[in-house]
PDB file of all heavy atoms in Angstrom:
ATOM      1  N   GLY A   1      61.892  80.378 151.966  1.00  0.00           N
ATOM      2  CA  GLY A   1      62.255  80.640 153.349  1.00  0.00           C
ATOM      3  C   GLY A   1      61.687  79.632 154.337  1.00  0.00           C
ATOM      4  O   GLY A   1      62.119  79.592 155.491  1.00  0.00           O
ATOM      5  N   ARG A   2      60.723  78.826 153.895  1.00  0.00           N
ATOM      6  CA  ARG A   2      60.131  77.812 154.780  1.00  0.00           C
ATOM      7  C   ARG A   2      60.458  76.392 154.312  1.00  0.00           C
ATOM      8  O   ARG A   2      60.575  75.482 155.129  1.00  0.00           O
ATOM      9  CB  ARG A   2      58.610  77.967 154.834  1.00  0.00           C
ATOM     10  CG  ARG A   2      58.135  79.292 155.382  1.00  0.00           C
ATOM     11  CD  ARG A   2      56.620  79.274 155.630  1.00  0.00           C
ATOM     12  NE  ARG A   2      55.856  79.032 154.416  1.00  0.00           N
ATOM     13  CZ  ARG A   2      54.953  78.060 154.281  1.00  0.00           C
ATOM     14  NH1 ARG A   2      54.712  77.230 155.287  1.00  0.00           N
ATOM     15  NH2 ARG A   2      54.284  77.910 153.141  1.00  0.00           N
ATOM     16  N   PHE A   3      60.570  76.193 153.012  1.00  0.00           N
ATOM     17  CA  PHE A   3      60.833  74.868 152.443  1.00  0.00           C
ATOM     18  C   PHE A   3      62.235  74.858 151.839  1.00  0.00           C
ATOM     19  O   PHE A   3      62.707  75.864 151.304  1.00  0.00           O
ATOM     20  CB  PHE A   3      59.829  74.543 151.342  1.00  0.00           C
ATOM     21  CG  PHE A   3      58.409  74.317 151.798  1.00  0.00           C
ATOM     22  CD1 PHE A   3      57.998  74.590 153.092  1.00  0.00           C
ATOM     23  CD2 PHE A   3      57.467  73.824 150.907  1.00  0.00           C
ATOM     24  CE1 PHE A   3      56.689  74.380 153.497  1.00  0.00           C
ATOM     25  CE2 PHE A   3      56.151  73.613 151.294  1.00  0.00           C
ATOM     26  CZ  PHE A   3      55.766  73.899 152.586  1.00  0.00           C
ATOM     27  N   THR A   4      62.875  73.693 151.898  1.00  0.00           N
ATOM     28  CA  THR A   4      64.189  73.514 151.297  1.00  0.00           C
ATOM     29  C   THR A   4      64.212  72.221 150.505  1.00  0.00           C
ATOM     30  O   THR A   4      63.879  71.150 151.044  1.00  0.00           O
ATOM     31  CB  THR A   4      65.283  73.461 152.374  1.00  0.00           C
ATOM     32  OG1 THR A   4      65.257  74.678 153.131  1.00  0.00           O
ATOM     33  CG2 THR A   4      66.660  73.322 151.730  1.00  0.00           C
ATOM     34  N   ILE A   5      64.615  72.326 149.234  1.00  0.00           N
ATOM     35  CA  ILE A   5      64.756  71.147 148.392  1.00  0.00           C
ATOM     36  C   ILE A   5      66.222  70.745 148.360  1.00  0.00           C
ATOM     37  O   ILE A   5      67.117  71.600 148.324  1.00  0.00           O
ATOM     38  CB  ILE A   5      64.213  71.408 146.971  1.00  0.00           C
ATOM     39  CG1 ILE A   5      64.160  70.126 146.155  1.00  0.00           C
ATOM     40  CG2 ILE A   5      65.012  72.499 146.262  1.00  0.00           C
ATOM     41  CD1 ILE A   5      63.428  70.272 144.799  1.00  0.00           C
ATOM     42  N   SER A   6      66.479  69.452 148.389  1.00  0.00           N
ATOM     43  CA  SER A   6      67.847  68.955 148.308  1.00  0.00           C
ATOM     44  C   SER A   6      67.811  67.574 147.655  1.00  0.00           C
ATOM     45  O   SER A   6      66.741  66.981 147.494  1.00  0.00           O
ATOM     46  CB  SER A   6      68.493  68.878 149.690  1.00  0.00           C
ATOM     47  OG  SER A   6      67.762  68.008 150.540  1.00  0.00           O
ATOM     48  N   ARG A   7      68.985  67.058 147.296  1.00  0.00           N
ATOM     49  CA  ARG A   7      69.042  65.745 146.667  1.00  0.00           C
ATOM     50  C   ARG A   7      70.313  65.021 147.048  1.00  0.00           C
ATOM     51  O   ARG A   7      71.323  65.641 147.385  1.00  0.00           O
ATOM     52  CB  ARG A   7      68.916  65.865 145.147  1.00  0.00           C
ATOM     53  CG  ARG A   7      70.092  66.528 144.451  1.00  0.00           C
ATOM     54  CD  ARG A   7      69.780  66.785 142.976  1.00  0.00           C
ATOM     55  NE  ARG A   7      69.642  65.550 142.209  1.00  0.00           N
ATOM     56  CZ  ARG A   7      69.054  65.464 141.022  1.00  0.00           C
ATOM     57  NH1 ARG A   7      68.503  66.546 140.477  1.00  0.00           N
ATOM     58  NH2 ARG A   7      68.997  64.321 140.371  1.00  0.00           N
ATOM     59  N   ASP A   8      70.259  63.718 146.954  1.00  0.00           N
ATOM     60  CA  ASP A   8      71.403  62.842 147.185  1.00  0.00           C
ATOM     61  C   ASP A   8      71.449  61.890 145.995  1.00  0.00           C
ATOM     62  O   ASP A   8      70.653  60.948 145.926  1.00  0.00           O
ATOM     63  CB  ASP A   8      71.220  62.089 148.504  1.00  0.00           C
ATOM     64  CG  ASP A   8      72.404  61.194 148.844  1.00  0.00           C
ATOM     65  OD1 ASP A   8      73.174  60.829 147.916  1.00  0.00           O
ATOM     66  OD2 ASP A   8      72.556  60.840 150.015  1.00  0.00           O
ATOM     67  N   ASN A   9      72.345  62.148 145.064  1.00  0.00           N
ATOM     68  CA  ASN A   9      72.388  61.344 143.843  1.00  0.00           C
ATOM     69  C   ASN A   9      72.901  59.930 144.092  1.00  0.00           C
ATOM     70  O   ASN A   9      72.619  59.030 143.306  1.00  0.00           O
ATOM     71  CB  ASN A   9      73.225  62.039 142.777  1.00  0.00           C
ATOM     72  CG  ASN A   9      72.497  63.215 142.157  1.00  0.00           C
ATOM     73  OD1 ASN A   9      71.285  63.353 142.282  1.00  0.00           O
ATOM     74  ND2 ASN A   9      73.243  64.086 141.490  1.00  0.00           N
ATOM     75  N   VAL A  10      73.657  59.727 145.149  1.00  0.00           N
ATOM     76  CA  VAL A  10      74.091  58.373 145.488  1.00  0.00           C
ATOM     77  C   VAL A  10      72.893  57.566 145.978  1.00  0.00           C
ATOM     78  O   VAL A  10      72.682  56.421 145.581  1.00  0.00           O
ATOM     79  CB  VAL A  10      75.201  58.398 146.544  1.00  0.00           C
ATOM     80  CG1 VAL A  10      75.542  56.982 146.986  1.00  0.00           C
ATOM     81  CG2 VAL A  10      76.437  59.106 145.996  1.00  0.00           C
ATOM     82  N   ALA A  11      72.087  58.179 146.823  1.00  0.00           N
ATOM     83  CA  ALA A  11      70.890  57.520 147.344  1.00  0.00           C
ATOM     84  C   ALA A  11      69.731  57.578 146.355  1.00  0.00           C
ATOM     85  O   ALA A  11      68.694  56.946 146.590  1.00  0.00           O
ATOM     86  CB  ALA A  11      70.477  58.155 148.662  1.00  0.00           C
ATOM     87  N   LYS A  12      69.886  58.327 145.275  1.00  0.00           N
ATOM     88  CA  LYS A  12      68.830  58.499 144.276  1.00  0.00           C
ATOM     89  C   LYS A  12      67.557  59.029 144.933  1.00  0.00           C
ATOM     90  O   LYS A  12      66.453  58.498 144.732  1.00  0.00           O
ATOM     91  CB  LYS A  12      68.541  57.188 143.542  1.00  0.00           C
ATOM     92  CG  LYS A  12      69.684  56.702 142.678  1.00  0.00           C
ATOM     93  CD  LYS A  12      69.268  55.479 141.863  1.00  0.00           C
ATOM     94  CE  LYS A  12      70.390  55.004 140.963  1.00  0.00           C
ATOM     95  NZ  LYS A  12      69.982  53.835 140.163  1.00  0.00           N
ATOM     96  N   ALA A  13      67.700  60.070 145.709  1.00  0.00           N
ATOM     97  CA  ALA A  13      66.558  60.616 146.434  1.00  0.00           C
ATOM     98  C   ALA A  13      66.581  62.131 146.394  1.00  0.00           C
ATOM     99  O   ALA A  13      67.639  62.760 146.315  1.00  0.00           O
ATOM    100  CB  ALA A  13      66.558  60.135 147.883  1.00  0.00           C
ATOM    101  N   VAL A  14      65.397  62.690 146.451  1.00  0.00           N
ATOM    102  CA  VAL A  14      65.209  64.132 146.570  1.00  0.00           C
ATOM    103  C   VAL A  14      64.348  64.376 147.786  1.00  0.00           C
ATOM    104  O   VAL A  14      63.429  63.592 148.079  1.00  0.00           O
ATOM    105  CB  VAL A  14      64.561  64.712 145.304  1.00  0.00           C
ATOM    106  CG1 VAL A  14      64.253  66.195 145.489  1.00  0.00           C
ATOM    107  CG2 VAL A  14      65.472  64.516 144.100  1.00  0.00           C
ATOM    108  N   TYR A  15      64.630  65.451 148.496  1.00  0.00           N
ATOM    109  CA  TYR A  15      63.956  65.740 149.747  1.00  0.00           C
ATOM    110  C   TYR A  15      63.309  67.117 149.684  1.00  0.00           C
ATOM    111  O   TYR A  15      63.772  68.011 148.968  1.00  0.00           O
ATOM    112  CB  TYR A  15      64.962  65.712 150.900  1.00  0.00           C
ATOM    113  CG  TYR A  15      65.831  64.482 150.901  1.00  0.00           C
ATOM    114  CD1 TYR A  15      67.117  64.512 150.381  1.00  0.00           C
ATOM    115  CD2 TYR A  15      65.354  63.278 151.401  1.00  0.00           C
ATOM    116  CE1 TYR A  15      67.912  63.380 150.366  1.00  0.00           C
ATOM    117  CE2 TYR A  15      66.139  62.142 151.389  1.00  0.00           C
ATOM    118  CZ  TYR A  15      67.416  62.199 150.878  1.00  0.00           C
ATOM    119  OH  TYR A  15      68.189  61.070 150.859  1.00  0.00           O
ATOM    120  N   LEU A  16      62.243  67.273 150.462  1.00  0.00           N
ATOM    121  CA  LEU A  16      61.638  68.575 150.657  1.00  0.00           C
ATOM    122  C   LEU A  16      61.445  68.754 152.162  1.00  0.00           C
ATOM    123  O   LEU A  16      60.569  68.121 152.755  1.00  0.00           O
ATOM    124  CB  LEU A  16      60.303  68.704 149.926  1.00  0.00           C
ATOM    125  CG  LEU A  16      59.697  70.113 149.962  1.00  0.00           C
ATOM    126  CD1 LEU A  16      60.557  71.084 149.138  1.00  0.00           C
ATOM    127  CD2 LEU A  16      58.262  70.112 149.417  1.00  0.00           C
ATOM    128  N   GLN A  17      62.306  69.573 152.752  1.00  0.00           N
ATOM    129  CA  GLN A  17      62.187  69.882 154.161  1.00  0.00           C
ATOM    130  C   GLN A  17      61.226  71.046 154.309  1.00  0.00           C
ATOM    131  O   GLN A  17      61.452  72.118 153.748  1.00  0.00           O
ATOM    132  CB  GLN A  17      63.552  70.248 154.751  1.00  0.00           C
ATOM    133  CG  GLN A  17      63.516  70.620 156.213  1.00  0.00           C
ATOM    134  CD  GLN A  17      63.167  69.429 157.097  1.00  0.00           C
ATOM    135  OE1 GLN A  17      63.718  68.347 156.953  1.00  0.00           O
ATOM    136  NE2 GLN A  17      62.241  69.634 158.024  1.00  0.00           N
ATOM    137  N   MET A  18      60.143  70.829 155.069  1.00  0.00           N
ATOM    138  CA  MET A  18      59.102  71.843 155.223  1.00  0.00           C
ATOM    139  C   MET A  18      59.027  72.258 156.678  1.00  0.00           C
ATOM    140  O   MET A  18      58.932  71.393 157.561  1.00  0.00           O
ATOM    141  CB  MET A  18      57.750  71.285 154.768  1.00  0.00           C
ATOM    142  CG  MET A  18      57.778  70.691 153.370  1.00  0.00           C
ATOM    143  SD  MET A  18      56.147  70.208 152.780  1.00  0.00           S
ATOM    144  CE  MET A  18      55.731  68.911 153.941  1.00  0.00           C
ATOM    145  N   SER A  19      59.067  73.549 156.920  1.00  0.00           N
ATOM    146  CA  SER A  19      58.973  74.053 158.280  1.00  0.00           C
ATOM    147  C   SER A  19      57.970  75.198 158.326  1.00  0.00           C
ATOM    148  O   SER A  19      57.520  75.686 157.297  1.00  0.00           O
ATOM    149  CB  SER A  19      60.338  74.500 158.782  1.00  0.00           C
ATOM    150  OG  SER A  19      60.858  75.523 157.964  1.00  0.00           O
ATOM    151  N   SER A  20      57.622  75.599 159.553  1.00  0.00           N
ATOM    152  CA  SER A  20      56.632  76.658 159.750  1.00  0.00           C
ATOM    153  C   SER A  20      55.382  76.396 158.931  1.00  0.00           C
ATOM    154  O   SER A  20      54.859  77.282 158.248  1.00  0.00           O
ATOM    155  CB  SER A  20      57.227  78.023 159.385  1.00  0.00           C
ATOM    156  OG  SER A  20      58.385  78.296 160.155  1.00  0.00           O
ATOM    157  N   LEU A  21      54.911  75.168 158.988  1.00  0.00           N
ATOM    158  CA  LEU A  21      53.773  74.771 158.166  1.00  0.00           C
ATOM    159  C   LEU A  21      52.497  75.490 158.581  1.00  0.00           C
ATOM    160  O   LEU A  21      52.284  75.794 159.769  1.00  0.00           O
ATOM    161  CB  LEU A  21      53.589  73.265 158.233  1.00  0.00           C
ATOM    162  CG  LEU A  21      54.607  72.483 157.403  1.00  0.00           C
ATOM    163  CD1 LEU A  21      54.659  71.018 157.817  1.00  0.00           C
ATOM    164  CD2 LEU A  21      54.298  72.598 155.920  1.00  0.00           C
ATOM    165  N   LYS A  22      51.667  75.755 157.577  1.00  0.00           N
ATOM    166  CA  LYS A  22      50.410  76.474 157.767  1.00  0.00           C
ATOM    167  C   LYS A  22      49.268  75.595 157.273  1.00  0.00           C
ATOM    168  O   LYS A  22      49.484  74.726 156.410  1.00  0.00           O
ATOM    169  CB  LYS A  22      50.428  77.767 156.949  1.00  0.00           C
ATOM    170  CG  LYS A  22      51.631  78.654 157.192  1.00  0.00           C
ATOM    171  CD  LYS A  22      51.643  79.817 156.211  1.00  0.00           C
ATOM    172  CE  LYS A  22      52.884  80.679 156.375  1.00  0.00           C
ATOM    173  NZ  LYS A  22      52.912  81.797 155.394  1.00  0.00           N
ATOM    174  N   PRO A  23      48.065  75.833 157.746  1.00  0.00           N
ATOM    175  CA  PRO A  23      46.930  75.040 157.252  1.00  0.00           C
ATOM    176  C   PRO A  23      46.785  75.113 155.730  1.00  0.00           C
ATOM    177  O   PRO A  23      46.378  74.131 155.103  1.00  0.00           O
ATOM    178  CB  PRO A  23      45.732  75.674 157.968  1.00  0.00           C
ATOM    179  CG  PRO A  23      46.304  76.191 159.247  1.00  0.00           C
ATOM    180  CD  PRO A  23      47.683  76.684 158.893  1.00  0.00           C
ATOM    181  N   GLU A  24      47.143  76.234 155.146  1.00  0.00           N
ATOM    182  CA  GLU A  24      47.041  76.361 153.685  1.00  0.00           C
ATOM    183  C   GLU A  24      48.098  75.545 152.933  1.00  0.00           C
ATOM    184  O   GLU A  24      48.064  75.472 151.701  1.00  0.00           O
ATOM    185  CB  GLU A  24      47.112  77.835 153.258  1.00  0.00           C
ATOM    186  CG  GLU A  24      48.278  78.602 153.819  1.00  0.00           C
ATOM    187  CD  GLU A  24      47.914  79.385 155.063  1.00  0.00           C
ATOM    188  OE1 GLU A  24      47.209  78.827 155.960  1.00  0.00           O
ATOM    189  OE2 GLU A  24      48.344  80.561 155.164  1.00  0.00           O
ATOM    190  N   ASP A  25      49.019  74.935 153.646  1.00  0.00           N
ATOM    191  CA  ASP A  25      49.967  74.015 153.015  1.00  0.00           C
ATOM    192  C   ASP A  25      49.359  72.628 152.818  1.00  0.00           C
ATOM    193  O   ASP A  25      49.991  71.751 152.216  1.00  0.00           O
ATOM    194  CB  ASP A  25      51.238  73.887 153.851  1.00  0.00           C
ATOM    195  CG  ASP A  25      52.050  75.176 153.885  1.00  0.00           C
ATOM    196  OD1 ASP A  25      52.183  75.824 152.826  1.00  0.00           O
ATOM    197  OD2 ASP A  25      52.553  75.520 154.972  1.00  0.00           O
ATOM    198  N   THR A  26      48.165  72.413 153.333  1.00  0.00           N
ATOM    199  CA  THR A  26      47.499  71.128 153.175  1.00  0.00           C
ATOM    200  C   THR A  26      47.241  70.835 151.707  1.00  0.00           C
ATOM    201  O   THR A  26      46.637  71.639 150.998  1.00  0.00           O
ATOM    202  CB  THR A  26      46.174  71.119 153.958  1.00  0.00           C
ATOM    203  OG1 THR A  26      46.455  71.237 155.345  1.00  0.00           O
ATOM    204  CG2 THR A  26      45.400  69.835 153.693  1.00  0.00           C
ATOM    205  N   ALA A  27      47.727  69.686 151.247  1.00  0.00           N
ATOM    206  CA  ALA A  27      47.620  69.324 149.826  1.00  0.00           C
ATOM    207  C   ALA A  27      48.230  67.943 149.627  1.00  0.00           C
ATOM    208  O   ALA A  27      48.842  67.380 150.538  1.00  0.00           O
ATOM    209  CB  ALA A  27      48.356  70.329 148.941  1.00  0.00           C
ATOM    210  N   VAL A  28      48.068  67.425 148.420  1.00  0.00           N
ATOM    211  CA  VAL A  28      48.841  66.262 147.994  1.00  0.00           C
ATOM    212  C   VAL A  28      50.115  66.793 147.345  1.00  0.00           C
ATOM    213  O   VAL A  28      50.061  67.665 146.473  1.00  0.00           O
ATOM    214  CB  VAL A  28      48.059  65.385 147.005  1.00  0.00           C
ATOM    215  CG1 VAL A  28      48.917  64.216 146.531  1.00  0.00           C
ATOM    216  CG2 VAL A  28      46.784  64.875 147.661  1.00  0.00           C
ATOM    217  N   TYR A  29      51.251  66.274 147.778  1.00  0.00           N
ATOM    218  CA  TYR A  29      52.548  66.735 147.301  1.00  0.00           C
ATOM    219  C   TYR A  29      53.127  65.705 146.335  1.00  0.00           C
ATOM    220  O   TYR A  29      53.145  64.506 146.634  1.00  0.00           O
ATOM    221  CB  TYR A  29      53.494  66.945 148.482  1.00  0.00           C
ATOM    222  CG  TYR A  29      53.209  68.217 149.234  1.00  0.00           C
ATOM    223  CD1 TYR A  29      52.025  68.357 149.954  1.00  0.00           C
ATOM    224  CD2 TYR A  29      54.094  69.284 149.214  1.00  0.00           C
ATOM    225  CE1 TYR A  29      51.734  69.529 150.641  1.00  0.00           C
ATOM    226  CE2 TYR A  29      53.822  70.464 149.898  1.00  0.00           C
ATOM    227  CZ  TYR A  29      52.639  70.579 150.603  1.00  0.00           C
ATOM    228  OH  TYR A  29      52.357  71.747 151.277  1.00  0.00           O
ATOM    229  N   TYR A  30      53.593  66.197 145.194  1.00  0.00           N
ATOM    230  CA  TYR A  30      54.131  65.347 144.141  1.00  0.00           C
ATOM    231  C   TYR A  30      55.568  65.748 143.822  1.00  0.00           C
ATOM    232  O   TYR A  30      55.888  66.927 143.775  1.00  0.00           O
ATOM    233  CB  TYR A  30      53.329  65.523 142.852  1.00  0.00           C
ATOM    234  CG  TYR A  30      51.875  65.167 142.939  1.00  0.00           C
ATOM    235  CD1 TYR A  30      50.925  66.117 143.295  1.00  0.00           C
ATOM    236  CD2 TYR A  30      51.434  63.879 142.646  1.00  0.00           C
ATOM    237  CE1 TYR A  30      49.574  65.802 143.371  1.00  0.00           C
ATOM    238  CE2 TYR A  30      50.089  63.552 142.707  1.00  0.00           C
ATOM    239  CZ  TYR A  30      49.170  64.518 143.071  1.00  0.00           C
ATOM    240  OH  TYR A  30      47.837  64.190 143.139  1.00  0.00           O
ATOM    241  N   CYS A  31      56.401  64.740 143.552  1.00  0.00           N
ATOM    242  CA  CYS A  31      57.681  65.040 142.927  1.00  0.00           C
ATOM    243  C   CYS A  31      57.592  64.622 141.460  1.00  0.00           C
ATOM    244  O   CYS A  31      56.822  63.723 141.099  1.00  0.00           O
ATOM    245  CB  CYS A  31      58.837  64.366 143.633  1.00  0.00           C
ATOM    246  SG  CYS A  31      58.829  62.564 143.626  1.00  0.00           S
ATOM    247  N   ALA A  32      58.360  65.296 140.646  1.00  0.00           N
ATOM    248  CA  ALA A  32      58.376  65.031 139.214  1.00  0.00           C
ATOM    249  C   ALA A  32      59.784  65.284 138.700  1.00  0.00           C
ATOM    250  O   ALA A  32      60.583  65.972 139.348  1.00  0.00           O
ATOM    251  CB  ALA A  32      57.365  65.909 138.490  1.00  0.00           C
ATOM    252  N   ALA A  33      60.077  64.726 137.540  1.00  0.00           N
ATOM    253  CA  ALA A  33      61.433  64.821 137.014  1.00  0.00           C
ATOM    254  C   ALA A  33      61.410  65.042 135.507  1.00  0.00           C
ATOM    255  O   ALA A  33      60.445  64.684 134.815  1.00  0.00           O
ATOM    256  CB  ALA A  33      62.219  63.553 137.348  1.00  0.00           C
ATOM    257  N   THR A  34      62.506  65.606 135.029  1.00  0.00           N
ATOM    258  CA  THR A  34      62.673  65.799 133.597  1.00  0.00           C
ATOM    259  C   THR A  34      64.143  65.650 133.243  1.00  0.00           C
ATOM    260  O   THR A  34      65.022  66.001 134.028  1.00  0.00           O
ATOM    261  CB  THR A  34      62.172  67.186 133.167  1.00  0.00           C
ATOM    262  OG1 THR A  34      62.278  67.298 131.741  1.00  0.00           O
ATOM    263  CG2 THR A  34      62.986  68.321 133.792  1.00  0.00           C
ATOM    264  N   ARG A  35      64.386  65.100 132.068  1.00  0.00           N
ATOM    265  CA  ARG A  35      65.763  65.057 131.565  1.00  0.00           C
ATOM    266  C   ARG A  35      66.010  66.338 130.785  1.00  0.00           C
ATOM    267  O   ARG A  35      65.128  67.113 130.495  1.00  0.00           O
ATOM    268  CB  ARG A  35      65.963  63.839 130.674  1.00  0.00           C
ATOM    269  CG  ARG A  35      65.896  62.552 131.447  1.00  0.00           C
ATOM    270  CD  ARG A  35      66.610  61.433 130.749  1.00  0.00           C
ATOM    271  NE  ARG A  35      68.056  61.655 130.727  1.00  0.00           N
ATOM    272  CZ  ARG A  35      68.926  60.769 130.270  1.00  0.00           C
ATOM    273  NH1 ARG A  35      68.483  59.637 129.768  1.00  0.00           N
ATOM    274  NH2 ARG A  35      70.220  61.010 130.284  1.00  0.00           N
ATOM    275  N   GLY A  36      67.247  66.553 130.431  1.00  0.00           N
ATOM    276  CA  GLY A  36      67.607  67.776 129.727  1.00  0.00           C
ATOM    277  C   GLY A  36      68.929  68.260 130.263  1.00  0.00           C
ATOM    278  O   GLY A  36      69.484  67.691 131.198  1.00  0.00           O
ATOM    279  N   ASN A  37      69.451  69.323 129.677  1.00  0.00           N
ATOM    280  CA  ASN A  37      70.761  69.822 130.073  1.00  0.00           C
ATOM    281  C   ASN A  37      70.615  70.749 131.264  1.00  0.00           C
ATOM    282  O   ASN A  37      70.619  71.978 131.126  1.00  0.00           O
ATOM    283  CB  ASN A  37      71.430  70.540 128.910  1.00  0.00           C
ATOM    284  CG  ASN A  37      72.852  70.924 129.242  1.00  0.00           C
ATOM    285  OD1 ASN A  37      73.390  70.495 130.267  1.00  0.00           O
ATOM    286  ND2 ASN A  37      73.454  71.736 128.402  1.00  0.00           N
TER     287      ASN A  37
END
């Protein structure tokens, strides 16, 4: 309800839109990927 993940395969990018941020959201944020079906 606060974060939204999306992707653009043409741009080869993934996004994380974050709103209503709280102090407890403080962290290092990582993206990761996996192949598979």
